Every structure is written in C-alpha cells, then in structure tokens.
C-alpha cells in the first residue's frame, strides 16, 4: 500500500468510527431507558454508575479514535 491508500483508508476509518460514536451518543440520549433496562438484566447498576460507565467508555473510545485514526491521518496528509 502506498501513502495515498493509507491516507484514504484512515479517512474512511475515521468517518466510520465517529459515526459509531455519534450513534452511540444519540442512542444513549434518546433510548437511555431501554439501554438501561437491557443492562440491568445482567448487572446491578445505579443511575450514576450507569451514566459514568457509558460516558467514560465514550471518552476512551473518542481518545482511541484520535490517537489511532485522526493523528496518523493528519501526519500522512502533511507528508
């Protein structure tokens, strides 16, 4: 693979991963009760724990997107 292909690949990965993050956030905002009811079948969580886990996971996922997709994409674009 050459640099153009890697740049294109990382661009598509970036778009896909941000789409997943946005869908996750929107699902959490609009169907939070359904998601919570689904999780409560397996785990005993308070409202605070449930929110903390999801927002923390979203933050970690966003950081991973930045580190593994956006930064390499920008670096390849600058070359």
PDB file of N, CA and C in Angstrom:
ATOM      1  N   UNK A   1       0.844  -1.188   0.000  1.00  0.00           N
ATOM      2  CA  UNK A   1       0.000   0.000   0.000  1.00  0.00           C
ATOM      3  C   UNK A   1       0.884   1.245   0.000  1.00  0.00           C
ATOM      4  N   UNK A   2       0.478   2.217  -0.763  1.00  0.00           N
ATOM      5  CA  UNK A   2       1.228   3.464  -0.779  1.00  0.00           C
ATOM      6  C   UNK A   2       0.583   4.477   0.175  1.00  0.00           C
ATOM      7  N   UNK A   3       1.195   5.641   0.261  1.00  0.00           N
ATOM      8  CA  UNK A   3       0.745   6.661   1.217  1.00  0.00           C
ATOM      9  C   UNK A   3      -0.682   7.145   0.921  1.00  0.00           C
ATOM     10  N   UNK A   4      -1.033   7.258  -0.336  1.00  0.00           N
ATOM     11  CA  UNK A   4      -2.374   7.718  -0.695  1.00  0.00           C
ATOM     12  C   UNK A   4      -3.430   6.718  -0.238  1.00  0.00           C
ATOM     13  N   UNK A   5      -3.141   5.442  -0.410  1.00  0.00           N
ATOM     14  CA  UNK A   5      -4.085   4.416   0.027  1.00  0.00           C
ATOM     15  C   UNK A   5      -4.228   4.404   1.546  1.00  0.00           C
ATOM     16  N   UNK A   6      -3.111   4.555   2.259  1.00  0.00           N
ATOM     17  CA  UNK A   6      -3.174   4.600   3.725  1.00  0.00           C
ATOM     18  C   UNK A   6      -3.977   5.809   4.194  1.00  0.00           C
ATOM     19  N   UNK A   7      -3.749   6.952   3.551  1.00  0.00           N
ATOM     20  CA  UNK A   7      -4.487   8.163   3.916  1.00  0.00           C
ATOM     21  C   UNK A   7      -5.982   7.976   3.681  1.00  0.00           C
ATOM     22  N   UNK A   8      -6.322   7.403   2.548  1.00  0.00           N
ATOM     23  CA  UNK A   8      -7.729   7.144   2.242  1.00  0.00           C
ATOM     24  C   UNK A   8      -8.334   6.158   3.239  1.00  0.00           C
ATOM     25  N   UNK A   9      -7.605   5.096   3.538  1.00  0.00           N
ATOM     26  CA  UNK A   9      -8.068   4.093   4.497  1.00  0.00           C
ATOM     27  C   UNK A   9      -8.313   4.714   5.871  1.00  0.00           C
ATOM     28  N   UNK A  10      -7.364   5.515   6.347  1.00  0.00           N
ATOM     29  CA  UNK A  10      -7.522   6.155   7.654  1.00  0.00           C
ATOM     30  C   UNK A  10      -8.674   7.157   7.652  1.00  0.00           C
ATOM     31  N   UNK A  11      -8.885   7.828   6.538  1.00  0.00           N
ATOM     32  CA  UNK A  11     -10.015   8.750   6.430  1.00  0.00           C
ATOM     33  C   UNK A  11     -11.346   8.026   6.555  1.00  0.00           C
ATOM     34  N   UNK A  12     -11.467   6.891   5.863  1.00  0.00           N
ATOM     35  CA  UNK A  12     -12.700   6.101   5.965  1.00  0.00           C
ATOM     36  C   UNK A  12     -12.879   5.525   7.368  1.00  0.00           C
ATOM     37  N   UNK A  13     -11.791   5.070   7.973  1.00  0.00           N
ATOM     38  CA  UNK A  13     -11.866   4.559   9.353  1.00  0.00           C
ATOM     39  C   UNK A  13     -12.302   5.658  10.312  1.00  0.00           C
ATOM     40  N   UNK A  14     -11.779   6.856  10.111  1.00  0.00           N
ATOM     41  CA  UNK A  14     -12.134   7.993  10.954  1.00  0.00           C
ATOM     42  C   UNK A  14     -13.624   8.305  10.845  1.00  0.00           C
ATOM     43  N   UNK A  15     -14.132   8.338   9.631  1.00  0.00           N
ATOM     44  CA  UNK A  15     -15.559   8.611   9.421  1.00  0.00           C
ATOM     45  C   UNK A  15     -16.416   7.522  10.057  1.00  0.00           C
ATOM     46  N   UNK A  16     -16.048   6.267   9.841  1.00  0.00           N
ATOM     47  CA  UNK A  16     -16.803   5.145  10.394  1.00  0.00           C
ATOM     48  C   UNK A  16     -16.806   5.169  11.921  1.00  0.00           C
ATOM     49  N   UNK A  17     -15.645   5.398  12.521  1.00  0.00           N
ATOM     50  CA  UNK A  17     -15.562   5.397  13.980  1.00  0.00           C
ATOM     51  C   UNK A  17     -16.308   6.573  14.599  1.00  0.00           C
ATOM     52  N   UNK A  18     -16.238   7.751  13.976  1.00  0.00           N
ATOM     53  CA  UNK A  18     -17.008   8.877  14.505  1.00  0.00           C
ATOM     54  C   UNK A  18     -18.507   8.647  14.332  1.00  0.00           C
ATOM     55  N   UNK A  19     -18.910   7.981  13.246  1.00  0.00           N
ATOM     56  CA  UNK A  19     -20.329   7.646  13.063  1.00  0.00           C
ATOM     57  C   UNK A  19     -20.800   6.707  14.171  1.00  0.00           C
ATOM     58  N   UNK A  20     -19.976   5.711  14.500  1.00  0.00           N
ATOM     59  CA  UNK A  20     -20.317   4.798  15.592  1.00  0.00           C
ATOM     60  C   UNK A  20     -20.446   5.561  16.903  1.00  0.00           C
ATOM     61  N   UNK A  21     -19.512   6.475  17.169  1.00  0.00           N
ATOM     62  CA  UNK A  21     -19.552   7.264  18.400  1.00  0.00           C
ATOM     63  C   UNK A  21     -20.804   8.142  18.456  1.00  0.00           C
ATOM     64  N   UNK A  22     -21.159   8.762  17.356  1.00  0.00           N
ATOM     65  CA  UNK A  22     -22.345   9.622  17.320  1.00  0.00           C
ATOM     66  C   UNK A  22     -23.616   8.802  17.509  1.00  0.00           C
ATOM     67  N   UNK A  23     -23.691   7.640  16.853  1.00  0.00           N
ATOM     68  CA  UNK A  23     -24.860   6.766  17.021  1.00  0.00           C
ATOM     69  C   UNK A  23     -24.973   6.306  18.465  1.00  0.00           C
ATOM     70  N   UNK A  24     -23.853   5.938  19.068  1.00  0.00           N
ATOM     71  CA  UNK A  24     -23.844   5.516  20.475  1.00  0.00           C
ATOM     72  C   UNK A  24     -24.361   6.642  21.365  1.00  0.00           C
ATOM     73  N   UNK A  25     -23.850   7.870  21.145  1.00  0.00           N
ATOM     74  CA  UNK A  25     -24.281   9.004  21.954  1.00  0.00           C
ATOM     75  C   UNK A  25     -25.770   9.287  21.767  1.00  0.00           C
ATOM     76  N   UNK A  26     -26.235   9.291  20.516  1.00  0.00           N
ATOM     77  CA  UNK A  26     -27.651   9.563  20.260  1.00  0.00           C
ATOM     78  C   UNK A  26     -28.542   8.475  20.850  1.00  0.00           C
ATOM     79  N   UNK A  27     -28.107   7.232  20.759  1.00  0.00           N
ATOM     80  CA  UNK A  27     -28.875   6.141  21.373  1.00  0.00           C
ATOM     81  C   UNK A  27     -28.920   6.323  22.884  1.00  0.00           C
ATOM     82  N   UNK A  28     -27.802   6.726  23.461  1.00  0.00           N
ATOM     83  CA  UNK A  28     -27.754   6.938  24.904  1.00  0.00           C
ATOM     84  C   UNK A  28     -28.671   8.084  25.321  1.00  0.00           C
ATOM     85  N   UNK A  29     -28.764   9.113  24.502  1.00  0.00           N
ATOM     86  CA  UNK A  29     -29.616  10.256  24.823  1.00  0.00           C
ATOM     87  C   UNK A  29     -31.096   9.923  24.640  1.00  0.00           C
ATOM     88  N   UNK A  30     -31.441   9.285  23.526  1.00  0.00           N
ATOM     89  CA  UNK A  30     -32.851   9.112  23.189  1.00  0.00           C
ATOM     90  C   UNK A  30     -33.476   7.807  23.668  1.00  0.00           C
ATOM     91  N   UNK A  31     -32.713   6.736  23.803  1.00  0.00           N
ATOM     92  CA  UNK A  31     -33.292   5.467  24.272  1.00  0.00           C
ATOM     93  C   UNK A  31     -32.526   4.946  25.490  1.00  0.00           C
ATOM     94  N   UNK A  32     -32.172   5.879  26.354  1.00  0.00           N
ATOM     95  CA  UNK A  32     -31.401   5.539  27.547  1.00  0.00           C
ATOM     96  C   UNK A  32     -32.137   4.531  28.429  1.00  0.00           C
ATOM     97  N   UNK A  33     -33.429   4.703  28.594  1.00  0.00           N
ATOM     98  CA  UNK A  33     -34.185   3.794  29.463  1.00  0.00           C
ATOM     99  C   UNK A  33     -34.172   2.365  28.936  1.00  0.00           C
ATOM    100  N   UNK A  34     -34.297   2.198  27.624  1.00  0.00           N
ATOM    101  CA  UNK A  34     -34.238   0.861  27.036  1.00  0.00           C
ATOM    102  C   UNK A  34     -32.859   0.235  27.241  1.00  0.00           C
ATOM    103  N   UNK A  35     -31.811   1.011  26.999  1.00  0.00           N
ATOM    104  CA  UNK A  35     -30.446   0.507  27.179  1.00  0.00           C
ATOM    105  C   UNK A  35     -30.208   0.149  28.640  1.00  0.00           C
ATOM    106  N   UNK A  36     -30.685   1.003  29.531  1.00  0.00           N
ATOM    107  CA  UNK A  36     -30.501   0.743  30.956  1.00  0.00           C
ATOM    108  C   UNK A  36     -31.251  -0.516  31.379  1.00  0.00           C
ATOM    109  N   UNK A  37     -32.487  -0.675  30.911  1.00  0.00           N
ATOM    110  CA  UNK A  37     -33.263  -1.861  31.255  1.00  0.00           C
ATOM    111  C   UNK A  37     -32.566  -3.124  30.739  1.00  0.00           C
ATOM    112  N   UNK A  38     -31.994  -3.036  29.565  1.00  0.00           N
ATOM    113  CA  UNK A  38     -31.265  -4.163  28.991  1.00  0.00           C
ATOM    114  C   UNK A  38     -30.038  -4.514  29.835  1.00  0.00           C
ATOM    115  N   UNK A  39     -29.289  -3.501  30.261  1.00  0.00           N
ATOM    116  CA  UNK A  39     -28.103  -3.741  31.077  1.00  0.00           C
ATOM    117  C   UNK A  39     -28.459  -4.222  32.483  1.00  0.00           C
ATOM    118  N   UNK A  40     -29.569  -3.750  33.014  1.00  0.00           N
ATOM    119  CA  UNK A  40     -29.959  -4.152  34.368  1.00  0.00           C
ATOM    120  C   UNK A  40     -30.356  -5.621  34.449  1.00  0.00           C
ATOM    121  N   UNK A  41     -30.613  -6.253  33.316  1.00  0.00           N
ATOM    122  CA  UNK A  41     -30.867  -7.691  33.326  1.00  0.00           C
ATOM    123  C   UNK A  41     -29.605  -8.466  33.683  1.00  0.00           C
ATOM    124  N   UNK A  42     -28.443  -7.900  33.384  1.00  0.00           N
ATOM    125  CA  UNK A  42     -27.178  -8.579  33.632  1.00  0.00           C
ATOM    126  C   UNK A  42     -26.428  -8.033  34.840  1.00  0.00           C
ATOM    127  N   UNK A  43     -26.517  -6.736  35.072  1.00  0.00           N
ATOM    128  CA  UNK A  43     -25.734  -6.087  36.121  1.00  0.00           C
ATOM    129  C   UNK A  43     -26.641  -5.259  37.016  1.00  0.00           C
ATOM    130  N   UNK A  44     -26.268  -5.148  38.274  1.00  0.00           N
ATOM    131  CA  UNK A  44     -26.977  -4.255  39.193  1.00  0.00           C
ATOM    132  C   UNK A  44     -26.203  -2.945  39.239  1.00  0.00           C
ATOM    133  N   UNK A  45     -26.766  -1.928  38.585  1.00  0.00           N
ATOM    134  CA  UNK A  45     -26.108  -0.629  38.494  1.00  0.00           C
ATOM    135  C   UNK A  45     -27.059   0.472  38.938  1.00  0.00           C
ATOM    136  N   UNK A  46     -26.505   1.449  39.621  1.00  0.00           N
ATOM    137  CA  UNK A  46     -27.301   2.638  39.938  1.00  0.00           C
ATOM    138  C   UNK A  46     -27.288   3.557  38.715  1.00  0.00           C
ATOM    139  N   UNK A  47     -28.124   4.590  38.754  1.00  0.00           N
ATOM    140  CA  UNK A  47     -28.153   5.554  37.646  1.00  0.00           C
ATOM    141  C   UNK A  47     -26.792   6.211  37.454  1.00  0.00           C
ATOM    142  N   UNK A  48     -26.162   6.576  38.558  1.00  0.00           N
ATOM    143  CA  UNK A  48     -24.859   7.231  38.496  1.00  0.00           C
ATOM    144  C   UNK A  48     -23.806   6.306  37.901  1.00  0.00           C
ATOM    145  N   UNK A  49     -23.787   5.059  38.333  1.00  0.00           N
ATOM    146  CA  UNK A  49     -22.819   4.103  37.796  1.00  0.00           C
ATOM    147  C   UNK A  49     -23.044   3.878  36.305  1.00  0.00           C
ATOM    148  N   UNK A  50     -24.294   3.732  35.921  1.00  0.00           N
ATOM    149  CA  UNK A  50     -24.633   3.510  34.517  1.00  0.00           C
ATOM    150  C   UNK A  50     -24.153   4.671  33.648  1.00  0.00           C
ATOM    151  N   UNK A  51     -24.460   5.900  34.069  1.00  0.00           N
ATOM    152  CA  UNK A  51     -24.027   7.077  33.314  1.00  0.00           C
ATOM    153  C   UNK A  51     -22.508   7.182  33.271  1.00  0.00           C
ATOM    154  N   UNK A  52     -21.864   6.952  34.403  1.00  0.00           N
ATOM    155  CA  UNK A  52     -20.408   7.047  34.479  1.00  0.00           C
ATOM    156  C   UNK A  52     -19.739   6.048  33.551  1.00  0.00           C
ATOM    157  N   UNK A  53     -20.229   4.831  33.544  1.00  0.00           N
ATOM    158  CA  UNK A  53     -19.643   3.801  32.683  1.00  0.00           C
ATOM    159  C   UNK A  53     -19.782   4.184  31.212  1.00  0.00           C
ATOM    160  N   UNK A  54     -20.962   4.617  30.816  1.00  0.00           N
ATOM    161  CA  UNK A  54     -21.165   4.940  29.402  1.00  0.00           C
ATOM    162  C   UNK A  54     -20.388   6.174  28.975  1.00  0.00           C
ATOM    163  N   UNK A  55     -20.422   7.237  29.772  1.00  0.00           N
ATOM    164  CA  UNK A  55     -19.685   8.435  29.384  1.00  0.00           C
ATOM    165  C   UNK A  55     -18.182   8.197  29.410  1.00  0.00           C
ATOM    166  N   UNK A  56     -17.697   7.411  30.350  1.00  0.00           N
ATOM    167  CA  UNK A  56     -16.268   7.079  30.389  1.00  0.00           C
ATOM    168  C   UNK A  56     -15.870   6.252  29.173  1.00  0.00           C
ATOM    169  N   UNK A  57     -16.694   5.284  28.827  1.00  0.00           N
ATOM    170  CA  UNK A  57     -16.395   4.458  27.653  1.00  0.00           C
ATOM    171  C   UNK A  57     -16.414   5.295  26.375  1.00  0.00           C
ATOM    172  N   UNK A  58     -17.354   6.232  26.282  1.00  0.00           N
ATOM    173  CA  UNK A  58     -17.389   7.120  25.116  1.00  0.00           C
ATOM    174  C   UNK A  58     -16.126   7.974  25.053  1.00  0.00           C
ATOM    175  N   UNK A  59     -15.670   8.454  26.198  1.00  0.00           N
ATOM    176  CA  UNK A  59     -14.457   9.270  26.234  1.00  0.00           C
ATOM    177  C   UNK A  59     -13.235   8.458  25.817  1.00  0.00           C
ATOM    178  N   UNK A  60     -13.124   7.242  26.315  1.00  0.00           N
ATOM    179  CA  UNK A  60     -11.999   6.377  25.947  1.00  0.00           C
ATOM    180  C   UNK A  60     -12.044   6.067  24.452  1.00  0.00           C
ATOM    181  N   UNK A  61     -13.229   5.765  23.933  1.00  0.00           N
ATOM    182  CA  UNK A  61     -13.380   5.467  22.506  1.00  0.00           C
ATOM    183  C   UNK A  61     -12.983   6.676  21.660  1.00  0.00           C
ATOM    184  N   UNK A  62     -13.372   7.866  22.095  1.00  0.00           N
ATOM    185  CA  UNK A  62     -13.025   9.075  21.355  1.00  0.00           C
ATOM    186  C   UNK A  62     -11.516   9.305  21.366  1.00  0.00           C
ATOM    187  N   UNK A  63     -10.874   9.088  22.497  1.00  0.00           N
ATOM    188  CA  UNK A  63      -9.418   9.238  22.582  1.00  0.00           C
ATOM    189  C   UNK A  63      -8.732   8.236  21.659  1.00  0.00           C
ATOM    190  N   UNK A  64      -9.230   6.996  21.635  1.00  0.00           N
ATOM    191  CA  UNK A  64      -8.650   5.983  20.752  1.00  0.00           C
ATOM    192  C   UNK A  64      -8.829   6.357  19.278  1.00  0.00           C
ATOM    193  N   UNK A  65      -9.964   6.951  18.942  1.00  0.00           N
ATOM    194  CA  UNK A  65     -10.175   7.422  17.570  1.00  0.00           C
ATOM    195  C   UNK A  65      -9.150   8.499  17.230  1.00  0.00           C
ATOM    196  N   UNK A  66      -8.948   9.424  18.144  1.00  0.00           N
ATOM    197  CA  UNK A  66      -7.985  10.498  17.904  1.00  0.00           C
ATOM    198  C   UNK A  66      -6.577   9.954  17.724  1.00  0.00           C
ATOM    199  N   UNK A  67      -6.177   9.037  18.597  1.00  0.00           N
ATOM    200  CA  UNK A  67      -4.808   8.519  18.579  1.00  0.00           C
ATOM    201  C   UNK A  67      -4.554   7.614  17.370  1.00  0.00           C
ATOM    202  N   UNK A  68      -5.485   6.731  17.068  1.00  0.00           N
ATOM    203  CA  UNK A  68      -5.234   5.722  16.045  1.00  0.00           C
ATOM    204  C   UNK A  68      -5.799   6.047  14.664  1.00  0.00           C
ATOM    205  N   UNK A  69      -6.636   7.064  14.542  1.00  0.00           N
ATOM    206  CA  UNK A  69      -7.183   7.437  13.237  1.00  0.00           C
ATOM    207  C   UNK A  69      -6.833   8.861  12.839  1.00  0.00           C
ATOM    208  N   UNK A  70      -7.159   9.821  13.696  1.00  0.00           N
ATOM    209  CA  UNK A  70      -7.004  11.223  13.308  1.00  0.00           C
ATOM    210  C   UNK A  70      -5.542  11.660  13.228  1.00  0.00           C
ATOM    211  N   UNK A  71      -4.751  11.346  14.236  1.00  0.00           N
ATOM    212  CA  UNK A  71      -3.348  11.774  14.241  1.00  0.00           C
ATOM    213  C   UNK A  71      -2.573  11.159  13.073  1.00  0.00           C
ATOM    214  N   UNK A  72      -2.675   9.838  12.830  1.00  0.00           N
ATOM    215  CA  UNK A  72      -1.975   9.301  11.650  1.00  0.00           C
ATOM    216  C   UNK A  72      -2.493   9.886  10.330  1.00  0.00           C
ATOM    217  N   UNK A  73      -3.801  10.140  10.259  1.00  0.00           N
ATOM    218  CA  UNK A  73      -4.373  10.736   9.050  1.00  0.00           C
ATOM    219  C   UNK A  73      -3.771  12.118   8.798  1.00  0.00           C
ATOM    220  N   UNK A  74      -3.707  12.936   9.830  1.00  0.00           N
ATOM    221  CA  UNK A  74      -3.129  14.282   9.689  1.00  0.00           C
ATOM    222  C   UNK A  74      -1.649  14.192   9.336  1.00  0.00           C
ATOM    223  N   UNK A  75      -0.927  13.265   9.984  1.00  0.00           N
ATOM    224  CA  UNK A  75       0.501  13.107   9.695  1.00  0.00           C
ATOM    225  C   UNK A  75       0.730  12.719   8.236  1.00  0.00           C
ATOM    226  N   UNK A  76      -0.079  11.808   7.722  1.00  0.00           N
ATOM    227  CA  UNK A  76       0.074  11.409   6.323  1.00  0.00           C
ATOM    228  C   UNK A  76      -0.343  12.522   5.368  1.00  0.00           C
ATOM    229  N   UNK A  77      -1.330  13.313   5.743  1.00  0.00           N
ATOM    230  CA  UNK A  77      -1.747  14.441   4.899  1.00  0.00           C
ATOM    231  C   UNK A  77      -0.654  15.505   4.813  1.00  0.00           C
ATOM    232  N   UNK A  78       0.105  15.660   5.897  1.00  0.00           N
ATOM    233  CA  UNK A  78       1.152  16.680   5.920  1.00  0.00           C
ATOM    234  C   UNK A  78       2.404  16.256   5.153  1.00  0.00           C
ATOM    235  N   UNK A  79       2.552  14.957   4.889  1.00  0.00           N
ATOM    236  CA  UNK A  79       3.742  14.482   4.164  1.00  0.00           C
ATOM    237  C   UNK A  79       3.677  14.772   2.692  1.00  0.00           C
TER     238      UNK A  79
END
